[in-house]
């Protein structure tokens, strides 16, 4: 008879140990924020962010659910450019 390996029974801790996946705290990609989070971070009202996005001053990214997000880096860059003499 051939030497067939026998199945190994795993304990509960071994059976549910997940494999390492992507780190949820990674910082290598862009940071997307909601209008509310951007407003809070910048110290302005929600409707000011909403109006700027609606006017096309802030680029938005729409999810499949319809929710619009902003790239925090782009918002900060636009604010910095406006301090230096306007958006170009």
N, C-alpha and C. Protein backbone atom coordinates (compact mmCIF):
# COMPACT_ATOMS: atom_id res chain seq x y z
N UNK A 1 0.83 -1.17 0.00
CA UNK A 1 0.00 0.00 0.00
C UNK A 1 0.88 1.24 0.00
N UNK A 2 0.43 2.27 -0.73
CA UNK A 2 1.21 3.50 -0.81
C UNK A 2 1.14 4.26 0.50
N UNK A 3 2.14 5.06 0.73
CA UNK A 3 2.19 5.86 1.94
C UNK A 3 1.38 7.14 1.73
N UNK A 4 0.14 7.16 2.19
CA UNK A 4 -0.77 8.29 2.02
C UNK A 4 -0.79 9.09 3.32
N UNK A 5 -0.56 10.42 3.24
CA UNK A 5 -0.58 11.21 4.47
C UNK A 5 -1.98 11.25 5.06
N UNK A 6 -2.03 11.19 6.35
CA UNK A 6 -3.30 11.22 7.07
C UNK A 6 -3.71 12.67 7.33
N UNK A 7 -5.01 12.96 7.28
CA UNK A 7 -5.45 14.32 7.60
C UNK A 7 -5.10 14.68 9.04
N UNK A 8 -4.77 15.93 9.24
CA UNK A 8 -4.40 16.42 10.56
C UNK A 8 -5.56 17.23 11.11
N UNK A 9 -5.95 16.95 12.34
CA UNK A 9 -7.01 17.71 12.99
C UNK A 9 -6.39 18.94 13.62
N UNK A 10 -6.99 20.08 13.32
CA UNK A 10 -6.48 21.34 13.86
C UNK A 10 -7.28 21.72 15.08
N UNK A 11 -6.61 22.35 16.03
CA UNK A 11 -7.29 22.89 17.20
C UNK A 11 -8.05 24.14 16.81
N UNK A 12 -8.89 24.62 17.70
CA UNK A 12 -9.72 25.79 17.41
C UNK A 12 -8.89 27.02 17.10
N UNK A 13 -7.80 27.23 17.83
CA UNK A 13 -6.97 28.42 17.61
C UNK A 13 -6.28 28.35 16.25
N UNK A 14 -5.86 27.19 15.85
CA UNK A 14 -5.18 27.05 14.57
C UNK A 14 -6.15 27.20 13.40
N UNK A 15 -7.37 26.76 13.59
CA UNK A 15 -8.34 26.76 12.49
C UNK A 15 -8.81 28.18 12.16
N UNK A 16 -8.84 29.09 13.09
CA UNK A 16 -9.37 30.42 12.83
C UNK A 16 -8.30 31.49 12.71
N UNK A 17 -7.04 31.11 12.73
CA UNK A 17 -5.98 32.10 12.60
C UNK A 17 -5.94 32.60 11.17
N UNK A 18 -6.24 33.89 10.94
CA UNK A 18 -6.26 34.40 9.58
C UNK A 18 -4.85 34.60 9.04
N UNK A 19 -4.75 34.52 7.73
CA UNK A 19 -3.47 34.80 7.10
C UNK A 19 -3.26 36.31 7.11
N UNK A 20 -2.02 36.74 7.16
CA UNK A 20 -1.79 38.18 7.14
C UNK A 20 -2.30 38.79 5.84
N UNK A 21 -3.04 39.87 5.95
CA UNK A 21 -3.58 40.55 4.79
C UNK A 21 -3.06 41.96 4.71
N UNK A 22 -3.69 42.77 3.90
CA UNK A 22 -3.23 44.16 3.80
C UNK A 22 -3.45 44.90 5.11
N UNK A 23 -2.54 45.78 5.41
CA UNK A 23 -2.61 46.55 6.66
C UNK A 23 -3.64 47.67 6.50
N UNK A 24 -4.68 47.71 7.35
CA UNK A 24 -5.69 48.75 7.21
C UNK A 24 -5.16 50.15 7.53
N UNK A 25 -4.01 50.24 8.18
CA UNK A 25 -3.43 51.53 8.54
C UNK A 25 -2.35 51.97 7.56
N UNK A 26 -2.30 51.35 6.39
CA UNK A 26 -1.23 51.69 5.45
C UNK A 26 -1.37 53.13 4.98
N UNK A 27 -0.25 53.72 4.61
CA UNK A 27 -0.25 55.11 4.21
C UNK A 27 0.34 55.32 2.83
N UNK A 28 0.44 54.27 2.03
CA UNK A 28 1.07 54.41 0.73
C UNK A 28 0.13 54.91 -0.35
N UNK A 29 -1.16 54.92 -0.11
CA UNK A 29 -2.13 55.36 -1.11
C UNK A 29 -2.77 56.67 -0.70
N UNK A 30 -3.63 57.19 -1.56
CA UNK A 30 -4.31 58.44 -1.22
C UNK A 30 -5.30 58.27 -0.08
N UNK A 31 -5.52 59.32 0.66
CA UNK A 31 -6.46 59.31 1.76
C UNK A 31 -7.76 59.94 1.29
N UNK A 32 -8.82 59.15 1.22
CA UNK A 32 -10.13 59.66 0.84
C UNK A 32 -10.91 59.99 2.10
N UNK A 33 -11.58 61.14 2.08
CA UNK A 33 -12.38 61.57 3.23
C UNK A 33 -13.75 62.03 2.76
N UNK A 34 -14.70 61.98 3.67
CA UNK A 34 -16.03 62.48 3.38
C UNK A 34 -16.02 64.01 3.48
N UNK A 35 -17.10 64.63 3.02
CA UNK A 35 -17.20 66.08 3.12
C UNK A 35 -17.14 66.52 4.58
N UNK A 36 -17.82 65.78 5.44
CA UNK A 36 -17.84 66.12 6.86
C UNK A 36 -16.47 66.03 7.50
N UNK A 37 -15.72 64.97 7.16
CA UNK A 37 -14.38 64.80 7.73
C UNK A 37 -13.44 65.89 7.22
N UNK A 38 -13.57 66.24 5.94
CA UNK A 38 -12.73 67.31 5.39
C UNK A 38 -13.05 68.63 6.06
N UNK A 39 -14.34 68.90 6.26
CA UNK A 39 -14.74 70.15 6.91
C UNK A 39 -14.21 70.23 8.34
N UNK A 40 -14.30 69.13 9.05
CA UNK A 40 -13.82 69.09 10.44
C UNK A 40 -12.31 69.29 10.48
N UNK A 41 -11.61 68.64 9.57
CA UNK A 41 -10.15 68.75 9.54
C UNK A 41 -9.69 70.16 9.21
N UNK A 42 -10.46 70.84 8.32
CA UNK A 42 -10.08 72.18 7.89
C UNK A 42 -10.67 73.28 8.76
N UNK A 43 -11.59 72.92 9.65
CA UNK A 43 -12.19 73.91 10.53
C UNK A 43 -13.22 74.79 9.83
N UNK A 44 -13.92 74.23 8.84
CA UNK A 44 -14.97 74.97 8.13
C UNK A 44 -16.28 74.20 8.25
N UNK A 45 -17.33 74.80 7.77
CA UNK A 45 -18.65 74.16 7.81
C UNK A 45 -18.78 73.15 6.67
N UNK A 46 -19.61 72.13 6.89
CA UNK A 46 -19.87 71.09 5.89
C UNK A 46 -20.36 71.69 4.58
N UNK A 47 -21.30 72.65 4.68
CA UNK A 47 -21.89 73.19 3.47
C UNK A 47 -20.87 73.96 2.62
N UNK A 48 -19.80 74.47 3.24
CA UNK A 48 -18.77 75.16 2.47
C UNK A 48 -18.01 74.17 1.59
N UNK A 49 -17.72 73.00 2.12
CA UNK A 49 -17.07 71.95 1.33
C UNK A 49 -18.01 71.49 0.23
N UNK A 50 -19.27 71.31 0.58
CA UNK A 50 -20.27 70.85 -0.38
C UNK A 50 -20.43 71.85 -1.53
N UNK A 51 -20.50 73.13 -1.23
CA UNK A 51 -20.63 74.16 -2.26
C UNK A 51 -19.39 74.21 -3.15
N UNK A 52 -18.21 74.11 -2.56
CA UNK A 52 -16.98 74.14 -3.35
C UNK A 52 -16.91 72.94 -4.29
N UNK A 53 -17.34 71.79 -3.83
CA UNK A 53 -17.34 70.59 -4.68
C UNK A 53 -18.37 70.73 -5.79
N UNK A 54 -19.53 71.24 -5.46
CA UNK A 54 -20.60 71.41 -6.45
C UNK A 54 -20.18 72.43 -7.52
N UNK A 55 -19.41 73.44 -7.14
CA UNK A 55 -18.95 74.46 -8.07
C UNK A 55 -17.75 73.99 -8.90
N UNK A 56 -17.22 72.81 -8.57
CA UNK A 56 -16.08 72.28 -9.32
C UNK A 56 -14.73 72.73 -8.81
N UNK A 57 -14.70 73.40 -7.67
CA UNK A 57 -13.43 73.85 -7.09
C UNK A 57 -12.68 72.72 -6.41
N UNK A 58 -13.40 71.71 -5.94
CA UNK A 58 -12.79 70.54 -5.31
C UNK A 58 -13.19 69.30 -6.12
N UNK A 59 -12.22 68.53 -6.60
CA UNK A 59 -12.56 67.30 -7.33
C UNK A 59 -13.11 66.25 -6.38
N UNK A 60 -14.16 65.57 -6.80
CA UNK A 60 -14.76 64.52 -5.98
C UNK A 60 -14.69 63.19 -6.69
N UNK A 61 -14.81 62.13 -5.91
CA UNK A 61 -14.78 60.76 -6.42
C UNK A 61 -16.02 60.07 -5.90
N UNK A 62 -16.81 59.54 -6.81
CA UNK A 62 -18.09 58.95 -6.45
C UNK A 62 -17.97 57.43 -6.31
N UNK A 63 -18.48 56.90 -5.21
CA UNK A 63 -18.52 55.46 -4.99
C UNK A 63 -19.73 54.88 -5.72
N UNK A 64 -19.79 53.57 -5.82
CA UNK A 64 -20.94 52.92 -6.46
C UNK A 64 -22.23 53.24 -5.72
N UNK A 65 -22.13 53.49 -4.44
CA UNK A 65 -23.31 53.81 -3.64
C UNK A 65 -23.81 55.23 -3.89
N UNK A 66 -23.03 56.05 -4.59
CA UNK A 66 -23.41 57.43 -4.85
C UNK A 66 -22.74 58.42 -3.91
N UNK A 67 -22.09 57.93 -2.88
CA UNK A 67 -21.42 58.80 -1.92
C UNK A 67 -20.19 59.44 -2.57
N UNK A 68 -20.01 60.73 -2.33
CA UNK A 68 -18.86 61.43 -2.89
C UNK A 68 -17.77 61.60 -1.84
N UNK A 69 -16.55 61.37 -2.26
CA UNK A 69 -15.40 61.51 -1.37
C UNK A 69 -14.41 62.49 -1.98
N UNK A 70 -13.53 62.98 -1.15
CA UNK A 70 -12.47 63.89 -1.57
C UNK A 70 -11.13 63.26 -1.25
N UNK A 71 -10.12 63.55 -2.07
CA UNK A 71 -8.76 63.17 -1.71
C UNK A 71 -8.22 64.28 -0.82
N UNK A 72 -7.86 63.94 0.39
CA UNK A 72 -7.41 64.92 1.35
C UNK A 72 -6.20 65.69 0.82
N UNK A 73 -5.29 64.99 0.16
CA UNK A 73 -4.09 65.63 -0.37
C UNK A 73 -4.44 66.71 -1.39
N UNK A 74 -5.45 66.44 -2.24
CA UNK A 74 -5.86 67.42 -3.25
C UNK A 74 -6.48 68.65 -2.59
N UNK A 75 -7.29 68.43 -1.58
CA UNK A 75 -7.93 69.55 -0.88
C UNK A 75 -6.86 70.44 -0.24
N UNK A 76 -5.91 69.82 0.44
CA UNK A 76 -4.84 70.59 1.08
C UNK A 76 -3.99 71.33 0.05
N UNK A 77 -3.73 70.69 -1.09
CA UNK A 77 -2.95 71.32 -2.16
C UNK A 77 -3.67 72.53 -2.73
N UNK A 78 -4.98 72.43 -2.95
CA UNK A 78 -5.78 73.54 -3.47
C UNK A 78 -5.78 74.71 -2.49
N UNK A 79 -5.89 74.41 -1.22
CA UNK A 79 -5.86 75.47 -0.21
C UNK A 79 -4.50 76.15 -0.19
N UNK A 80 -3.44 75.37 -0.28
CA UNK A 80 -2.09 75.92 -0.28
C UNK A 80 -1.87 76.82 -1.52
N UNK A 81 -2.34 76.35 -2.68
CA UNK A 81 -2.20 77.16 -3.91
C UNK A 81 -2.99 78.46 -3.79
N UNK A 82 -4.15 78.42 -3.16
CA UNK A 82 -4.95 79.64 -3.03
C UNK A 82 -4.26 80.65 -2.12
N UNK A 83 -3.48 80.18 -1.17
CA UNK A 83 -2.72 81.08 -0.30
C UNK A 83 -1.56 81.73 -1.04
N UNK A 84 -1.06 81.02 -2.07
CA UNK A 84 0.09 81.52 -2.83
C UNK A 84 -0.31 82.44 -3.98
N UNK A 85 -1.58 82.67 -4.18
CA UNK A 85 -1.98 83.60 -5.23
C UNK A 85 -3.08 83.09 -6.12
N UNK A 86 -3.81 82.09 -5.69
CA UNK A 86 -4.95 81.64 -6.46
C UNK A 86 -4.75 80.28 -7.09
N UNK A 87 -5.87 79.65 -7.45
CA UNK A 87 -5.83 78.35 -8.10
C UNK A 87 -5.46 78.53 -9.55
N UNK A 88 -4.58 77.69 -10.03
CA UNK A 88 -4.15 77.78 -11.43
C UNK A 88 -4.40 76.48 -12.13
